[in-house]
Amino acid sequence: MLDPKQLEDLAARLARALPPGLKNLRAELEDNFRAILRSRLERLDLVSRERFETQAELLARTRARLTKLEKRLKDLEARLGGEGPRDAADGQKPGAPTS
């Protein structure tokens, strides 16, 4: 998200870009620009670059772990003779009739 200094600079640049006929309203318009920018940016629900990078690293680690777990599951299923998944409660394949 923009820090307050960047927000102030952007509002000032917008105010300086006003046509010559509106220069006498510059201070008031700069305040309005600042308020509007702050309001709109808050609605965007932005995150800092640091937080984004942290979440991206966490996602990468989670994906790597999921890949390892999927491989492990596949190996375990192959070791069981490719019989497929079994129901933990009774050892039967899911959907198989019970006796």
Protein backbone atom coordinates (compact mmCIF):
# COMPACT_ATOMS: atom_id res chain seq x y z
CA MET A 1 0.00 0.00 0.00
CA LEU A 2 1.13 3.57 -0.54
CA ASP A 3 2.77 5.08 2.47
CA PRO A 4 1.54 8.50 3.67
CA LYS A 5 4.53 10.30 2.10
CA GLN A 6 3.75 8.83 -1.33
CA LEU A 7 0.10 9.76 -0.93
CA GLU A 8 1.04 13.36 -0.07
CA ASP A 9 3.39 13.55 -3.09
CA LEU A 10 0.72 12.23 -5.44
CA ALA A 11 -1.89 14.69 -4.17
CA ALA A 12 0.60 17.56 -4.55
CA ARG A 13 1.46 16.51 -8.12
CA LEU A 14 -2.22 16.41 -9.03
CA ALA A 15 -2.71 19.87 -7.56
CA ARG A 16 0.30 21.23 -9.50
CA ALA A 17 -1.17 19.81 -12.72
CA LEU A 18 -4.27 22.01 -12.44
CA PRO A 19 -4.98 24.47 -15.26
CA PRO A 20 -3.95 28.09 -14.57
CA GLY A 21 -7.54 29.20 -13.91
CA LEU A 22 -7.82 26.83 -10.91
CA LYS A 23 -4.53 27.72 -9.19
CA ASN A 24 -6.35 29.76 -6.54
CA LEU A 25 -8.20 26.60 -5.48
CA ARG A 26 -5.01 24.55 -5.31
CA ALA A 27 -4.87 24.01 -1.51
CA GLU A 28 -8.53 23.01 -1.29
CA LEU A 29 -8.29 20.68 -4.29
CA GLU A 30 -5.08 19.13 -2.94
CA ASP A 31 -6.90 18.28 0.29
CA ASN A 32 -9.76 16.79 -1.73
CA PHE A 33 -7.34 14.79 -3.90
CA ARG A 34 -5.67 13.43 -0.77
CA ALA A 35 -8.99 12.41 0.79
CA ILE A 36 -10.24 10.77 -2.40
CA LEU A 37 -6.97 8.90 -2.97
CA ARG A 38 -6.88 7.63 0.61
CA SER A 39 -10.53 6.53 0.43
CA ARG A 40 -10.13 4.69 -2.87
CA LEU A 41 -6.88 3.01 -1.91
CA GLU A 42 -8.38 1.75 1.35
CA ARG A 43 -11.19 0.12 -0.60
CA LEU A 44 -8.68 -1.84 -2.68
CA ASP A 45 -7.60 -3.80 0.40
CA LEU A 46 -3.95 -3.80 -0.70
CA VAL A 47 -1.14 -5.58 1.11
CA SER A 48 2.47 -4.53 1.48
CA ARG A 49 5.14 -6.01 -0.79
CA GLU A 50 6.74 -7.63 2.26
CA ARG A 51 3.51 -9.38 3.23
CA PHE A 52 2.92 -10.44 -0.38
CA GLU A 53 6.42 -11.93 -0.59
CA THR A 54 5.92 -13.75 2.71
CA GLN A 55 2.66 -15.27 1.48
CA ALA A 56 4.24 -16.22 -1.86
CA GLU A 57 7.07 -18.05 -0.03
CA LEU A 58 4.56 -19.82 2.20
CA LEU A 59 2.56 -20.90 -0.85
CA ALA A 60 5.69 -22.22 -2.57
CA ARG A 61 6.63 -24.28 0.51
CA THR A 62 3.06 -25.58 0.78
CA ARG A 63 3.04 -26.60 -2.88
CA ALA A 64 6.37 -28.41 -2.48
CA ARG A 65 5.07 -30.24 0.58
CA LEU A 66 1.85 -31.19 -1.22
CA THR A 67 3.85 -32.56 -4.15
CA LYS A 68 5.95 -34.70 -1.78
CA LEU A 69 2.83 -35.97 0.02
CA GLU A 70 1.14 -36.82 -3.28
CA LYS A 71 4.21 -38.79 -4.37
CA ARG A 72 4.35 -40.55 -1.02
CA LEU A 73 0.67 -41.48 -1.29
CA LYS A 74 1.17 -42.78 -4.81
CA ASP A 75 4.14 -44.89 -3.66
CA LEU A 76 2.14 -46.29 -0.74
CA GLU A 77 -0.78 -47.15 -3.01
CA ALA A 78 1.60 -48.87 -5.43
CA ARG A 79 3.10 -50.87 -2.57
CA LEU A 80 -0.37 -52.07 -1.61
CA GLY A 81 -0.70 -53.57 -5.07
CA GLY A 82 -2.64 -50.77 -6.71
CA GLU A 83 -5.78 -51.82 -4.94
CA GLY A 84 -6.87 -48.19 -4.64
CA PRO A 85 -8.04 -46.32 -1.60
CA ARG A 86 -9.65 -48.16 1.32
CA ASP A 87 -12.10 -46.94 3.90
CA ALA A 88 -10.28 -46.41 7.18
CA ALA A 89 -13.15 -47.73 9.31
CA ASP A 90 -13.52 -51.25 7.92
CA GLY A 91 -10.67 -51.77 5.44
CA GLN A 92 -13.16 -52.07 2.55
CA LYS A 93 -12.94 -50.14 -0.67
CA PRO A 94 -15.30 -47.15 -0.61
CA GLY A 95 -18.72 -48.11 -1.97
CA ALA A 96 -18.10 -51.84 -1.62
CA PRO A 97 -20.99 -53.83 -0.07
CA THR A 98 -20.50 -54.79 3.55
CA SER A 99 -21.33 -58.28 4.85
